Amino acid sequence: MSGIAQWWDGVELWVAGLPFVPQVALTLGVLVPLAGLAAAGLDRLVGLAIGAGRDDAAAPVHSGSTVEDHR
Protein backbone atom coordinates (compact mmCIF):
# COMPACT_ATOMS: atom_id res chain seq x y z
CA MET A 1 0.00 0.00 0.00
CA SER A 2 1.28 3.47 -0.79
CA GLY A 3 1.93 6.12 1.81
CA ILE A 4 -1.13 8.15 0.84
CA ALA A 5 -3.41 5.11 1.09
CA GLN A 6 -2.04 4.28 4.55
CA TRP A 7 -2.50 7.89 5.65
CA TRP A 8 -6.07 7.94 4.34
CA ASP A 9 -6.85 4.67 6.13
CA GLY A 10 -5.55 6.20 9.36
CA VAL A 11 -7.72 9.30 8.91
CA GLU A 12 -10.74 7.15 8.07
CA LEU A 13 -10.28 5.02 11.17
CA TRP A 14 -9.80 8.12 13.33
CA VAL A 15 -13.03 9.71 12.03
CA ALA A 16 -14.92 6.41 12.40
CA GLY A 17 -13.82 6.24 16.04
CA LEU A 18 -15.23 9.66 16.89
CA PRO A 19 -18.69 10.07 18.44
CA PHE A 20 -21.53 10.91 16.03
CA VAL A 21 -21.75 14.68 16.58
CA PRO A 22 -18.02 15.35 16.03
CA GLN A 23 -18.15 13.09 12.95
CA VAL A 24 -20.97 15.16 11.47
CA ALA A 25 -19.31 18.47 12.39
CA LEU A 26 -15.98 17.42 10.90
CA THR A 27 -17.59 16.00 7.78
CA LEU A 28 -19.66 19.13 7.18
CA GLY A 29 -16.69 21.37 7.94
CA VAL A 30 -14.67 19.62 5.25
CA LEU A 31 -17.29 18.61 2.68
CA VAL A 32 -19.27 21.85 2.48
CA PRO A 33 -16.25 23.99 1.50
CA LEU A 34 -14.96 21.30 -0.88
CA ALA A 35 -18.38 20.96 -2.51
CA GLY A 36 -18.59 24.75 -2.87
CA LEU A 37 -15.17 24.90 -4.50
CA ALA A 38 -16.07 22.03 -6.83
CA ALA A 39 -19.34 23.73 -7.81
CA ALA A 40 -17.62 27.07 -8.45
CA GLY A 41 -14.93 25.36 -10.53
CA LEU A 42 -17.47 23.43 -12.60
CA ASP A 43 -19.53 26.60 -13.08
CA ARG A 44 -16.45 28.41 -14.35
CA LEU A 45 -15.50 25.55 -16.70
CA VAL A 46 -19.00 25.28 -18.13
CA GLY A 47 -19.18 29.05 -18.54
CA LEU A 48 -15.88 29.06 -20.42
CA ALA A 49 -16.95 26.11 -22.58
CA ILE A 50 -20.25 27.73 -23.48
CA GLY A 51 -18.69 31.14 -24.07
CA ALA A 52 -15.83 29.76 -26.18
CA GLY A 53 -18.14 28.74 -29.02
CA ARG A 54 -20.03 32.03 -29.21
CA ASP A 55 -18.94 35.13 -31.10
CA ASP A 56 -21.52 37.30 -29.33
CA ALA A 57 -20.65 36.22 -25.78
CA ALA A 58 -20.77 39.83 -24.57
CA ALA A 59 -24.18 40.55 -26.14
CA PRO A 60 -27.14 40.83 -23.75
CA VAL A 61 -29.43 37.83 -23.57
CA HIS A 62 -32.70 39.80 -23.32
CA SER A 63 -34.19 42.08 -25.95
CA GLY A 64 -34.17 45.10 -23.69
CA SER A 65 -37.94 45.50 -23.67
CA THR A 66 -39.81 45.91 -20.44
CA VAL A 67 -43.24 44.83 -19.27
CA GLU A 68 -44.52 48.38 -19.79
CA ASP A 69 -43.51 48.26 -23.49
CA HIS A 70 -46.00 45.42 -24.10
CA ARG A 71 -49.05 47.10 -22.55
PDB file of N, CA and C in Angstrom:
ATOM      1  N   MET A   1       0.841  -1.184   0.000  1.00  0.00           N
ATOM      2  CA  MET A   1       0.000   0.000   0.000  1.00  0.00           C
ATOM      3  C   MET A   1       0.882   1.242   0.000  1.00  0.00           C
ATOM      4  N   SER A   2       0.472   2.245  -0.731  1.00  0.00           N
ATOM      5  CA  SER A   2       1.275   3.467  -0.795  1.00  0.00           C
ATOM      6  C   SER A   2       1.114   4.290   0.479  1.00  0.00           C
ATOM      7  N   GLY A   3       1.969   5.281   0.627  1.00  0.00           N
ATOM      8  CA  GLY A   3       1.930   6.122   1.812  1.00  0.00           C
ATOM      9  C   GLY A   3       0.638   6.910   1.940  1.00  0.00           C
ATOM     10  N   ILE A   4       0.119   7.368   0.809  1.00  0.00           N
ATOM     11  CA  ILE A   4      -1.128   8.146   0.843  1.00  0.00           C
ATOM     12  C   ILE A   4      -2.297   7.254   1.250  1.00  0.00           C
ATOM     13  N   ALA A   5      -2.327   6.035   0.744  1.00  0.00           N
ATOM     14  CA  ALA A   5      -3.410   5.107   1.092  1.00  0.00           C
ATOM     15  C   ALA A   5      -3.361   4.761   2.576  1.00  0.00           C
ATOM     16  N   GLN A   6      -2.170   4.568   3.115  1.00  0.00           N
ATOM     17  CA  GLN A   6      -2.039   4.278   4.548  1.00  0.00           C
ATOM     18  C   GLN A   6      -2.472   5.483   5.378  1.00  0.00           C
ATOM     19  N   TRP A   7      -2.100   6.677   4.929  1.00  0.00           N
ATOM     20  CA  TRP A   7      -2.495   7.892   5.650  1.00  0.00           C
ATOM     21  C   TRP A   7      -4.019   8.025   5.639  1.00  0.00           C
ATOM     22  N   TRP A   8      -4.616   7.810   4.457  1.00  0.00           N
ATOM     23  CA  TRP A   8      -6.072   7.938   4.341  1.00  0.00           C
ATOM     24  C   TRP A   8      -6.779   6.908   5.208  1.00  0.00           C
ATOM     25  N   ASP A   9      -6.259   5.693   5.262  1.00  0.00           N
ATOM     26  CA  ASP A   9      -6.854   4.671   6.126  1.00  0.00           C
ATOM     27  C   ASP A   9      -6.789   5.096   7.588  1.00  0.00           C
ATOM     28  N   GLY A  10      -5.683   5.708   7.992  1.00  0.00           N
ATOM     29  CA  GLY A  10      -5.554   6.202   9.364  1.00  0.00           C
ATOM     30  C   GLY A  10      -6.562   7.295   9.672  1.00  0.00           C
ATOM     31  N   VAL A  11      -6.741   8.227   8.723  1.00  0.00           N
ATOM     32  CA  VAL A  11      -7.723   9.303   8.911  1.00  0.00           C
ATOM     33  C   VAL A  11      -9.125   8.723   8.980  1.00  0.00           C
ATOM     34  N   GLU A  12      -9.416   7.776   8.097  1.00  0.00           N
ATOM     35  CA  GLU A  12     -10.740   7.153   8.068  1.00  0.00           C
ATOM     36  C   GLU A  12     -11.042   6.438   9.388  1.00  0.00           C
ATOM     37  N   LEU A  13     -10.078   5.717   9.895  1.00  0.00           N
ATOM     38  CA  LEU A  13     -10.277   5.021  11.172  1.00  0.00           C
ATOM     39  C   LEU A  13     -10.439   6.009  12.321  1.00  0.00           C
ATOM     40  N   TRP A  14      -9.688   7.114  12.274  1.00  0.00           N
ATOM     41  CA  TRP A  14      -9.802   8.125  13.325  1.00  0.00           C
ATOM     42  C   TRP A  14     -11.200   8.751  13.319  1.00  0.00           C
ATOM     43  N   VAL A  15     -11.695   9.109  12.139  1.00  0.00           N
ATOM     44  CA  VAL A  15     -13.031   9.711  12.034  1.00  0.00           C
ATOM     45  C   VAL A  15     -14.095   8.697  12.455  1.00  0.00           C
ATOM     46  N   ALA A  16     -13.942   7.446  12.046  1.00  0.00           N
ATOM     47  CA  ALA A  16     -14.920   6.415  12.403  1.00  0.00           C
ATOM     48  C   ALA A  16     -14.959   6.174  13.910  1.00  0.00           C
ATOM     49  N   GLY A  17     -13.865   6.442  14.601  1.00  0.00           N
ATOM     50  CA  GLY A  17     -13.820   6.242  16.038  1.00  0.00           C
ATOM     51  C   GLY A  17     -14.385   7.392  16.847  1.00  0.00           C
ATOM     52  N   LEU A  18     -14.664   8.509  16.192  1.00  0.00           N
ATOM     53  CA  LEU A  18     -15.234   9.663  16.894  1.00  0.00           C
ATOM     54  C   LEU A  18     -16.707   9.435  17.199  1.00  0.00           C
ATOM     55  N   PRO A  19     -17.235  10.102  18.222  1.00  0.00           N
ATOM     56  CA  PRO A  19     -18.686  10.066  18.442  1.00  0.00           C
ATOM     57  C   PRO A  19     -19.427  10.712  17.261  1.00  0.00           C
ATOM     58  N   PHE A  20     -20.730  10.484  17.193  1.00  0.00           N
ATOM     59  CA  PHE A  20     -21.526  10.911  16.031  1.00  0.00           C
ATOM     60  C   PHE A  20     -21.471  12.413  15.776  1.00  0.00           C
ATOM     61  N   VAL A  21     -21.683  13.218  16.787  1.00  0.00           N
ATOM     62  CA  VAL A  21     -21.752  14.678  16.583  1.00  0.00           C
ATOM     63  C   VAL A  21     -20.425  15.230  16.056  1.00  0.00           C
ATOM     64  N   PRO A  22     -19.274  14.877  16.636  1.00  0.00           N
ATOM     65  CA  PRO A  22     -18.024  15.354  16.030  1.00  0.00           C
ATOM     66  C   PRO A  22     -17.795  14.825  14.609  1.00  0.00           C
ATOM     67  N   GLN A  23     -18.258  13.607  14.322  1.00  0.00           N
ATOM     68  CA  GLN A  23     -18.154  13.088  12.951  1.00  0.00           C
ATOM     69  C   GLN A  23     -18.914  13.979  11.981  1.00  0.00           C
ATOM     70  N   VAL A  24     -20.145  14.321  12.343  1.00  0.00           N
ATOM     71  CA  VAL A  24     -20.971  15.159  11.470  1.00  0.00           C
ATOM     72  C   VAL A  24     -20.352  16.541  11.327  1.00  0.00           C
ATOM     73  N   ALA A  25     -19.903  17.137  12.433  1.00  0.00           N
ATOM     74  CA  ALA A  25     -19.314  18.469  12.388  1.00  0.00           C
ATOM     75  C   ALA A  25     -18.055  18.479  11.524  1.00  0.00           C
ATOM     76  N   LEU A  26     -17.208  17.493  11.687  1.00  0.00           N
ATOM     77  CA  LEU A  26     -15.983  17.416  10.898  1.00  0.00           C
ATOM     78  C   LEU A  26     -16.293  17.177   9.422  1.00  0.00           C
ATOM     79  N   THR A  27     -17.222  16.287   9.162  1.00  0.00           N
ATOM     80  CA  THR A  27     -17.591  15.997   7.778  1.00  0.00           C
ATOM     81  C   THR A  27     -18.172  17.236   7.099  1.00  0.00           C
ATOM     82  N   LEU A  28     -19.082  17.921   7.771  1.00  0.00           N
ATOM     83  CA  LEU A  28     -19.658  19.132   7.184  1.00  0.00           C
ATOM     84  C   LEU A  28     -18.620  20.229   7.037  1.00  0.00           C
ATOM     85  N   GLY A  29     -17.724  20.340   8.009  1.00  0.00           N
ATOM     86  CA  GLY A  29     -16.689  21.367   7.942  1.00  0.00           C
ATOM     87  C   GLY A  29     -15.712  21.163   6.806  1.00  0.00           C
ATOM     88  N   VAL A  30     -15.570  19.914   6.360  1.00  0.00           N
ATOM     89  CA  VAL A  30     -14.668  19.618   5.247  1.00  0.00           C
ATOM     90  C   VAL A  30     -15.439  19.545   3.930  1.00  0.00           C
ATOM     91  N   LEU A  31     -16.572  18.849   3.931  1.00  0.00           N
ATOM     92  CA  LEU A  31     -17.289  18.614   2.681  1.00  0.00           C
ATOM     93  C   LEU A  31     -18.005  19.839   2.131  1.00  0.00           C
ATOM     94  N   VAL A  32     -18.549  20.678   2.983  1.00  0.00           N
ATOM     95  CA  VAL A  32     -19.269  21.853   2.478  1.00  0.00           C
ATOM     96  C   VAL A  32     -18.322  22.794   1.721  1.00  0.00           C
ATOM     97  N   PRO A  33     -17.164  23.153   2.288  1.00  0.00           N
ATOM     98  CA  PRO A  33     -16.254  23.995   1.498  1.00  0.00           C
ATOM     99  C   PRO A  33     -15.741  23.305   0.230  1.00  0.00           C
ATOM    100  N   LEU A  34     -15.433  22.003   0.315  1.00  0.00           N
ATOM    101  CA  LEU A  34     -14.958  21.301  -0.880  1.00  0.00           C
ATOM    102  C   LEU A  34     -16.042  21.238  -1.958  1.00  0.00           C
ATOM    103  N   ALA A  35     -17.279  20.995  -1.547  1.00  0.00           N
ATOM    104  CA  ALA A  35     -18.379  20.957  -2.512  1.00  0.00           C
ATOM    105  C   ALA A  35     -18.595  22.341  -3.135  1.00  0.00           C
ATOM    106  N   GLY A  36     -18.466  23.392  -2.335  1.00  0.00           N
ATOM    107  CA  GLY A  36     -18.594  24.748  -2.866  1.00  0.00           C
ATOM    108  C   GLY A  36     -17.506  25.073  -3.869  1.00  0.00           C
ATOM    109  N   LEU A  37     -16.271  24.676  -3.563  1.00  0.00           N
ATOM    110  CA  LEU A  37     -15.172  24.901  -4.504  1.00  0.00           C
ATOM    111  C   LEU A  37     -15.370  24.097  -5.784  1.00  0.00           C
ATOM    112  N   ALA A  38     -15.821  22.859  -5.650  1.00  0.00           N
ATOM    113  CA  ALA A  38     -16.071  22.034  -6.828  1.00  0.00           C
ATOM    114  C   ALA A  38     -17.178  22.636  -7.689  1.00  0.00           C
ATOM    115  N   ALA A  39     -18.241  23.116  -7.058  1.00  0.00           N
ATOM    116  CA  ALA A  39     -19.343  23.728  -7.810  1.00  0.00           C
ATOM    117  C   ALA A  39     -18.893  24.993  -8.512  1.00  0.00           C
ATOM    118  N   ALA A  40     -18.110  25.827  -7.832  1.00  0.00           N
ATOM    119  CA  ALA A  40     -17.618  27.067  -8.447  1.00  0.00           C
ATOM    120  C   ALA A  40     -16.690  26.744  -9.612  1.00  0.00           C
ATOM    121  N   GLY A  41     -15.836  25.739  -9.443  1.00  0.00           N
ATOM    122  CA  GLY A  41     -14.932  25.356 -10.528  1.00  0.00           C
ATOM    123  C   GLY A  41     -15.678  24.820 -11.730  1.00  0.00           C
ATOM    124  N   LEU A  42     -16.667  23.956 -11.491  1.00  0.00           N
ATOM    125  CA  LEU A  42     -17.465  23.435 -12.600  1.00  0.00           C
ATOM    126  C   LEU A  42     -18.263  24.533 -13.282  1.00  0.00           C
ATOM    127  N   ASP A  43     -18.791  25.472 -12.512  1.00  0.00           N
ATOM    128  CA  ASP A  43     -19.529  26.597 -13.082  1.00  0.00           C
ATOM    129  C   ASP A  43     -18.626  27.411 -13.996  1.00  0.00           C
ATOM    130  N   ARG A  44     -17.415  27.646 -13.546  1.00  0.00           N
ATOM    131  CA  ARG A  44     -16.453  28.408 -14.347  1.00  0.00           C
ATOM    132  C   ARG A  44     -16.100  27.664 -15.628  1.00  0.00           C
ATOM    133  N   LEU A  45     -15.840  26.344 -15.519  1.00  0.00           N
ATOM    134  CA  LEU A  45     -15.496  25.553 -16.700  1.00  0.00           C
ATOM    135  C   LEU A  45     -16.636  25.507 -17.712  1.00  0.00           C
ATOM    136  N   VAL A  46     -17.854  25.311 -17.223  1.00  0.00           N
ATOM    137  CA  VAL A  46     -19.002  25.277 -18.127  1.00  0.00           C
ATOM    138  C   VAL A  46     -19.206  26.651 -18.768  1.00  0.00           C
ATOM    139  N   GLY A  47     -19.051  27.708 -17.983  1.00  0.00           N
ATOM    140  CA  GLY A  47     -19.178  29.051 -18.541  1.00  0.00           C
ATOM    141  C   GLY A  47     -18.151  29.320 -19.620  1.00  0.00           C
ATOM    142  N   LEU A  48     -16.918  28.883 -19.396  1.00  0.00           N
ATOM    143  CA  LEU A  48     -15.880  29.056 -20.416  1.00  0.00           C
ATOM    144  C   LEU A  48     -16.167  28.213 -21.648  1.00  0.00           C
ATOM    145  N   ALA A  49     -16.645  26.982 -21.443  1.00  0.00           N
ATOM    146  CA  ALA A  49     -16.946  26.108 -22.578  1.00  0.00           C
ATOM    147  C   ALA A  49     -18.096  26.656 -23.408  1.00  0.00           C
ATOM    148  N   ILE A  50     -19.102  27.176 -22.750  1.00  0.00           N
ATOM    149  CA  ILE A  50     -20.246  27.733 -23.483  1.00  0.00           C
ATOM    150  C   ILE A  50     -19.846  29.024 -24.186  1.00  0.00           C
ATOM    151  N   GLY A  51     -19.095  29.866 -23.496  1.00  0.00           N
ATOM    152  CA  GLY A  51     -18.690  31.142 -24.070  1.00  0.00           C
ATOM    153  C   GLY A  51     -17.656  31.002 -25.161  1.00  0.00           C
ATOM    154  N   ALA A  52     -16.890  29.917 -25.187  1.00  0.00           N
ATOM    155  CA  ALA A  52     -15.834  29.755 -26.181  1.00  0.00           C
ATOM    156  C   ALA A  52     -16.393  29.566 -27.581  1.00  0.00           C
ATOM    157  N   GLY A  53     -17.574  28.991 -27.705  1.00  0.00           N
ATOM    158  CA  GLY A  53     -18.143  28.735 -29.017  1.00  0.00           C
ATOM    159  C   GLY A  53     -19.024  29.847 -29.535  1.00  0.00           C
ATOM    160  N   ARG A  54     -19.142  30.934 -28.808  1.00  0.00           N
ATOM    161  CA  ARG A  54     -20.034  32.031 -29.211  1.00  0.00           C
ATOM    162  C   ARG A  54     -19.225  33.263 -29.592  1.00  0.00           C
ATOM    163  N   ASP A  55     -19.579  33.874 -30.699  1.00  0.00           N
ATOM    164  CA  ASP A  55     -18.936  35.129 -31.096  1.00  0.00           C
ATOM    165  C   ASP A  55     -19.543  36.311 -30.362  1.00  0.00           C
ATOM    166  N   ASP A  56     -20.819  36.206 -29.986  1.00  0.00           N
ATOM    167  CA  ASP A  56     -21.525  37.300 -29.327  1.00  0.00           C
ATOM    168  C   ASP A  56     -21.645  37.049 -27.830  1.00  0.00           C
ATOM    169  N   ALA A  57     -20.595  36.561 -27.200  1.00  0.00           N
ATOM    170  CA  ALA A  57     -20.649  36.217 -25.778  1.00  0.00           C
ATOM    171  C   ALA A  57     -20.934  37.436 -24.912  1.00  0.00           C
ATOM    172  N   ALA A  58     -20.561  38.626 -25.364  1.00  0.00           N
ATOM    173  CA  ALA A  58     -20.772  39.832 -24.571  1.00  0.00           C
ATOM    174  C   ALA A  58     -22.140  40.466 -24.842  1.00  0.00           C
ATOM    175  N   ALA A  59     -22.881  39.966 -25.805  1.00  0.00           N
ATOM    176  CA  ALA A  59     -24.180  40.547 -26.143  1.00  0.00           C
ATOM    177  C   ALA A  59     -25.190  40.208 -25.054  1.00  0.00           C
ATOM    178  N   PRO A  60     -26.129  41.123 -24.769  1.00  0.00           N
ATOM    179  CA  PRO A  60     -27.144  40.834 -23.754  1.00  0.00           C
ATOM    180  C   PRO A  60     -28.065  39.708 -24.215  1.00  0.00           C
ATOM    181  N   VAL A  61     -28.568  38.966 -23.264  1.00  0.00           N
ATOM    182  CA  VAL A  61     -29.434  37.830 -23.568  1.00  0.00           C
ATOM    183  C   VAL A  61     -30.854  38.293 -23.853  1.00  0.00           C
ATOM    184  N   HIS A  62     -31.323  39.333 -23.156  1.00  0.00           N
ATOM    185  CA  HIS A  62     -32.701  39.796 -23.321  1.00  0.00           C
ATOM    186  C   HIS A  62     -32.772  40.856 -24.424  1.00  0.00           C
ATOM    187  N   SER A  63     -33.999  41.138 -24.852  1.00  0.00           N
ATOM    188  CA  SER A  63     -34.188  42.084 -25.951  1.00  0.00           C
ATOM    189  C   SER A  63     -34.169  43.537 -25.493  1.00  0.00           C
ATOM    190  N   GLY A  64     -34.183  43.745 -24.197  1.00  0.00           N
ATOM    191  CA  GLY A  64     -34.174  45.100 -23.692  1.00  0.00           C
ATOM    192  C   GLY A  64     -35.548  45.690 -23.470  1.00  0.00           C
ATOM    193  N   SER A  65     -36.600  44.984 -23.875  1.00  0.00           N
ATOM    194  CA  SER A  65     -37.943  45.499 -23.669  1.00  0.00           C
ATOM    195  C   SER A  65     -38.375  45.242 -22.234  1.00  0.00           C
ATOM    196  N   THR A  66     -39.290  46.041 -21.771  1.00  0.00           N
ATOM    197  CA  THR A  66     -39.808  45.906 -20.439  1.00  0.00           C
ATOM    198  C   THR A  66     -41.273  45.509 -20.483  1.00  0.00           C
ATOM    199  N   VAL A  67     -41.832  45.203 -19.337  1.00  0.00           N
ATOM    200  CA  VAL A  67     -43.240  44.832 -19.266  1.00  0.00           C
ATOM    201  C   VAL A  67     -44.113  45.993 -19.728  1.00  0.00           C
ATOM    202  N   GLU A  68     -43.713  47.205 -19.409  1.00  0.00           N
ATOM    203  CA  GLU A  68     -44.515  48.384 -19.790  1.00  0.00           C
ATOM    204  C   GLU A  68     -44.569  48.558 -21.302  1.00  0.00           C
ATOM    205  N   ASP A  69     -43.536  48.125 -22.042  1.00  0.00           N
ATOM    206  CA  ASP A  69     -43.513  48.257 -23.494  1.00  0.00           C
ATOM    207  C   ASP A  69     -44.575  47.405 -24.163  1.00  0.00           C
ATOM    208  N   HIS A  70     -45.044  46.353 -23.503  1.00  0.00           N
ATOM    209  CA  HIS A  70     -45.995  45.425 -24.099  1.00  0.00           C
ATOM    210  C   HIS A  70     -47.447  45.726 -23.693  1.00  0.00           C
ATOM    211  N   ARG A  71     -47.678  46.794 -22.975  1.00  0.00           N
ATOM    212  CA  ARG A  71     -49.048  47.104 -22.547  1.00  0.00           C
ATOM    213  C   ARG A  71     -49.791  47.914 -23.566  1.00  0.00           C
TER     214      ARG A  71
END
